[in-house]
């Protein structure tokens, strides 16, 4: 009887453990961070996946050539990612049309399968990176240096996605399928200084290869950075995370 009781308790314990683990195993696995692939054209492509938004850019650093960019919000259900582009610089017909990918992550290889499989190699894991996420600009300094709220017309918006090491910003208007500019590359954050190393810029390829350094601070969830932009002009901006 004693052995039977012990076996019963162990079974119940294991059953409870399995019931506790089962919901966790079914939670969606968001492949946060930065990823890279090689395009047939010879250019490189980078993918940044934030909490609820992703962005892709294809470009050549050596030739200072920007090819294309796209991005938008996504949701996860198990291994299914539903991605709805808010911008696509190469094909506006795809904007607003949801795409469902089957997501597989194994040995730092991300596979997104739709009609064909797209394979990406991990650049970084942004799970615990303090700046990783999707940000939108809310304030900017005026001509006299005073800070003023940014009121972009209609659905126009400027966002910036950060992984642990990479960034990409873009100015878009999903309602009119507008794409105005994007840029990105790598960044570092050290001793209160935020530095961007520009690897692509859709409006001015002469800025590729340059670095810009800003004073950086976080206050109440607001990202304040100031310095000089890649054009040499003063920059002072406030960004806040998209919830």
Protein backbone atom coordinates (compact mmCIF):
# COMPACT_ATOMS: atom_id res chain seq x y z
CA UNK A 1 0.00 0.00 0.00
CA UNK A 2 2.81 2.38 0.90
CA UNK A 3 4.52 1.81 -2.47
CA UNK A 4 1.23 2.23 -4.28
CA UNK A 5 0.54 5.51 -2.47
CA UNK A 6 4.03 6.77 -3.31
CA UNK A 7 3.61 5.86 -6.97
CA UNK A 8 0.22 7.58 -7.03
CA UNK A 9 1.67 10.76 -5.52
CA UNK A 10 4.51 10.76 -8.05
CA UNK A 11 2.03 10.30 -10.91
CA UNK A 12 -0.16 13.15 -9.63
CA UNK A 13 2.92 15.34 -9.22
CA UNK A 14 4.09 14.63 -12.75
CA UNK A 15 0.59 15.22 -14.09
CA UNK A 16 0.45 18.60 -12.36
CA UNK A 17 3.90 19.46 -13.74
CA UNK A 18 2.79 18.54 -17.26
CA UNK A 19 -0.35 20.64 -16.90
CA UNK A 20 1.73 23.61 -15.76
CA UNK A 21 4.21 23.22 -18.62
CA UNK A 22 1.72 22.61 -21.41
CA UNK A 23 0.40 26.19 -21.71
CA UNK A 24 3.96 27.53 -21.71
CA UNK A 25 4.96 25.23 -24.54
CA UNK A 26 2.04 26.51 -26.61
CA UNK A 27 2.97 30.16 -26.18
CA UNK A 28 4.09 31.87 -29.40
CA UNK A 29 7.86 32.08 -29.81
CA UNK A 30 8.70 35.51 -31.21
CA UNK A 31 12.12 35.46 -32.93
CA UNK A 32 13.24 38.78 -31.41
CA UNK A 33 16.52 40.27 -32.55
CA UNK A 34 18.38 40.84 -35.79
CA UNK A 35 18.82 38.39 -38.66
CA UNK A 36 20.63 38.46 -42.02
CA UNK A 37 20.48 36.73 -45.41
CA UNK A 38 22.05 37.02 -48.85
CA UNK A 39 19.93 38.16 -51.78
CA UNK A 40 20.22 36.64 -55.30
CA UNK A 41 21.19 40.12 -56.51
CA UNK A 42 24.31 40.03 -54.35
CA UNK A 43 23.04 42.54 -51.82
CA UNK A 44 22.60 41.73 -48.15
CA UNK A 45 19.29 41.75 -46.32
CA UNK A 46 18.72 42.40 -42.63
CA UNK A 47 15.62 41.67 -40.59
CA UNK A 48 14.86 43.25 -37.21
CA UNK A 49 12.09 41.67 -35.16
CA UNK A 50 10.84 43.74 -32.23
CA UNK A 51 7.98 43.05 -29.80
CA UNK A 52 5.20 43.44 -32.35
CA UNK A 53 6.85 44.90 -35.46
CA UNK A 54 9.41 43.80 -38.04
CA UNK A 55 11.43 45.58 -40.71
CA UNK A 56 13.52 44.31 -43.62
CA UNK A 57 16.10 46.16 -45.70
CA UNK A 58 18.17 45.01 -48.69
CA UNK A 59 21.30 46.96 -49.60
CA UNK A 60 25.00 46.86 -50.50
CA UNK A 61 27.41 48.60 -48.14
CA UNK A 62 30.37 48.39 -50.52
CA UNK A 63 28.46 49.94 -53.42
CA UNK A 64 26.50 52.29 -51.13
CA UNK A 65 23.36 51.00 -52.81
CA UNK A 66 19.89 50.83 -51.26
CA UNK A 67 17.62 48.25 -52.90
CA UNK A 68 14.36 47.96 -50.97
CA UNK A 69 12.68 47.96 -47.56
CA UNK A 70 9.44 46.79 -46.04
CA UNK A 71 7.88 46.31 -42.62
CA UNK A 72 4.81 46.24 -40.45
CA UNK A 73 3.18 44.78 -37.34
CA UNK A 74 2.75 41.07 -36.70
CA UNK A 75 1.02 38.67 -34.33
CA UNK A 76 2.02 35.14 -33.32
CA UNK A 77 -0.15 32.06 -32.73
CA UNK A 78 1.95 29.01 -32.04
CA UNK A 79 4.42 28.81 -34.93
CA UNK A 80 2.23 30.97 -37.19
CA UNK A 81 3.22 34.62 -37.75
CA UNK A 82 0.64 36.91 -39.35
CA UNK A 83 2.50 39.88 -40.79
CA UNK A 84 0.72 42.89 -42.34
CA UNK A 85 3.05 45.24 -44.28
CA UNK A 86 2.60 48.95 -43.58
CA UNK A 87 5.22 49.90 -46.15
CA UNK A 88 6.98 48.31 -49.08
CA UNK A 89 9.30 50.50 -51.13
CA UNK A 90 9.35 48.05 -54.06
CA UNK A 91 5.70 46.94 -54.30
CA UNK A 92 2.92 49.07 -52.81
CA UNK A 93 0.30 46.47 -53.84
CA UNK A 94 1.48 44.30 -50.93
CA UNK A 95 0.77 46.98 -48.31
CA UNK A 96 -2.10 46.02 -46.01
CA UNK A 97 -2.29 42.45 -47.30
CA UNK A 98 -1.65 39.96 -44.44
CA UNK A 99 0.89 37.18 -44.95
CA UNK A 100 0.96 34.09 -42.72
CA UNK A 101 4.39 32.57 -42.20
CA UNK A 102 5.26 29.30 -40.51
CA UNK A 103 8.14 30.13 -38.17
CA UNK A 104 10.96 27.75 -37.29
CA UNK A 105 14.04 28.65 -35.23
CA UNK A 106 16.79 26.07 -34.86
CA UNK A 107 20.52 26.48 -34.17
CA UNK A 108 20.34 30.25 -34.79
CA UNK A 109 18.66 29.72 -38.16
CA UNK A 110 15.25 31.34 -38.69
CA UNK A 111 13.01 29.98 -41.42
CA UNK A 112 9.91 31.89 -42.52
CA UNK A 113 7.83 29.71 -44.83
CA UNK A 114 5.07 31.15 -47.00
CA UNK A 115 4.98 30.12 -50.67
CA UNK A 116 8.73 29.63 -50.44
CA UNK A 117 11.07 29.44 -47.46
CA UNK A 118 13.16 32.45 -46.45
CA UNK A 119 16.19 31.49 -44.39
CA UNK A 120 17.85 33.95 -42.02
CA UNK A 121 20.97 33.65 -39.84
CA UNK A 122 20.99 35.18 -36.38
CA UNK A 123 22.92 38.41 -35.86
CA UNK A 124 21.88 38.98 -32.25
CA UNK A 125 19.33 37.95 -29.64
CA UNK A 126 17.43 40.97 -28.34
CA UNK A 127 15.54 39.16 -25.58
CA UNK A 128 17.33 41.04 -22.78
CA UNK A 129 18.69 44.06 -24.70
CA UNK A 130 17.56 47.25 -22.88
CA UNK A 131 16.93 49.33 -26.03
CA UNK A 132 15.42 46.58 -28.18
CA UNK A 133 11.91 47.31 -29.43
CA UNK A 134 9.83 49.52 -31.70
CA UNK A 135 10.02 53.27 -31.02
CA UNK A 136 8.16 56.27 -32.41
CA UNK A 137 9.32 59.86 -32.32
CA UNK A 138 7.19 62.17 -30.14
CA UNK A 139 9.23 65.38 -29.72
CA UNK A 140 11.90 67.26 -31.63
CA UNK A 141 13.86 70.47 -31.08
CA UNK A 142 12.85 73.49 -33.13
CA UNK A 143 15.04 76.18 -34.68
CA UNK A 144 15.77 77.83 -31.33
CA UNK A 145 16.43 74.52 -29.58
CA UNK A 146 13.03 74.39 -27.87
CA UNK A 147 11.35 70.99 -27.66
CA UNK A 148 7.98 70.66 -29.37
CA UNK A 149 5.55 67.78 -29.80
CA UNK A 150 5.50 66.20 -33.24
CA UNK A 151 2.09 66.12 -34.87
CA UNK A 152 2.43 64.10 -38.07
CA UNK A 153 -0.48 64.52 -40.44
CA UNK A 154 -2.99 61.70 -40.85
CA UNK A 155 -1.44 58.29 -40.44
CA UNK A 156 2.07 59.39 -41.33
CA UNK A 157 4.61 58.25 -38.74
CA UNK A 158 8.32 57.84 -38.11
CA UNK A 159 9.42 54.66 -36.35
CA UNK A 160 12.75 53.16 -35.33
CA UNK A 161 13.36 49.47 -34.60
CA UNK A 162 16.29 48.37 -32.46
CA UNK A 163 17.68 44.91 -31.78
CA UNK A 164 20.69 44.35 -29.50
CA UNK A 165 23.10 45.69 -32.16
CA UNK A 166 21.14 46.95 -35.16
CA UNK A 167 18.71 49.78 -35.93
CA UNK A 168 16.42 50.80 -38.76
CA UNK A 169 14.23 53.88 -38.93
CA UNK A 170 11.55 54.68 -41.52
CA UNK A 171 9.09 57.43 -42.36
CA UNK A 172 5.85 56.09 -43.82
CA UNK A 173 2.11 56.67 -44.26
CA UNK A 174 0.23 53.35 -44.43
CA UNK A 175 -3.11 54.93 -45.34
CA UNK A 176 -1.80 56.29 -48.65
CA UNK A 177 0.84 53.57 -49.07
CA UNK A 178 3.48 56.22 -48.66
CA UNK A 179 7.17 55.44 -48.20
CA UNK A 180 9.37 58.49 -47.65
CA UNK A 181 12.74 57.35 -46.32
CA UNK A 182 14.61 54.73 -44.34
CA UNK A 183 18.08 54.22 -42.97
CA UNK A 184 19.87 51.83 -40.70
CA UNK A 185 22.95 49.92 -39.67
CA UNK A 186 24.60 49.04 -36.38
CA UNK A 187 24.63 50.90 -33.08
CA UNK A 188 26.48 50.89 -29.79
CA UNK A 189 25.48 52.23 -26.39
CA UNK A 190 28.28 53.01 -23.95
CA UNK A 191 28.92 55.52 -21.16
CA UNK A 192 25.85 57.60 -21.96
CA UNK A 193 26.69 57.78 -25.68
CA UNK A 194 24.53 56.28 -28.42
CA UNK A 195 26.42 55.82 -31.72
CA UNK A 196 24.90 54.85 -35.07
CA UNK A 197 27.02 53.41 -37.88
CA UNK A 198 25.10 53.98 -41.10
CA UNK A 199 25.05 51.07 -43.59
CA UNK A 200 22.16 52.19 -45.79
CA UNK A 201 20.17 55.36 -46.37
CA UNK A 202 17.49 55.52 -49.05
CA UNK A 203 17.66 59.28 -49.64
CA UNK A 204 21.41 59.91 -49.63
CA UNK A 205 23.92 57.11 -50.20
CA UNK A 206 26.80 59.50 -49.45
CA UNK A 207 26.02 59.07 -45.76
CA UNK A 208 26.74 55.33 -45.89
CA UNK A 209 29.86 54.56 -43.88
CA UNK A 210 29.54 57.53 -41.56
CA UNK A 211 28.95 57.40 -37.80
CA UNK A 212 26.94 59.75 -35.63
CA UNK A 213 27.19 60.00 -31.86
CA UNK A 214 24.51 61.29 -29.49
CA UNK A 215 24.19 61.98 -25.79
CA UNK A 216 21.79 59.36 -24.50
CA UNK A 217 19.50 59.13 -21.51
CA UNK A 218 16.31 57.34 -20.49
CA UNK A 219 13.75 59.09 -18.28
CA UNK A 220 10.35 57.58 -17.51
CA UNK A 221 10.45 55.35 -20.56
CA UNK A 222 11.35 58.28 -22.82
CA UNK A 223 14.50 58.01 -24.92
CA UNK A 224 16.23 61.38 -25.15
CA UNK A 225 19.17 61.73 -27.50
CA UNK A 226 20.94 64.82 -28.78
CA UNK A 227 23.97 65.62 -30.91
CA UNK A 228 24.60 66.12 -34.62
CA UNK A 229 23.04 64.09 -37.41
CA UNK A 230 24.79 62.63 -40.43
CA UNK A 231 24.23 65.94 -42.24
CA UNK A 232 26.09 67.82 -39.48
CA UNK A 233 22.98 69.60 -38.22
CA UNK A 234 21.97 69.62 -34.52
CA UNK A 235 19.55 66.88 -33.48
CA UNK A 236 17.55 66.62 -30.27
CA UNK A 237 14.74 64.06 -30.25
CA UNK A 238 12.47 62.19 -27.84
CA UNK A 239 11.35 58.67 -28.71
CA UNK A 240 8.90 56.43 -26.88
CA UNK A 241 8.27 52.71 -27.21
CA UNK A 242 5.18 51.52 -29.04
CA UNK A 243 2.98 49.65 -26.58
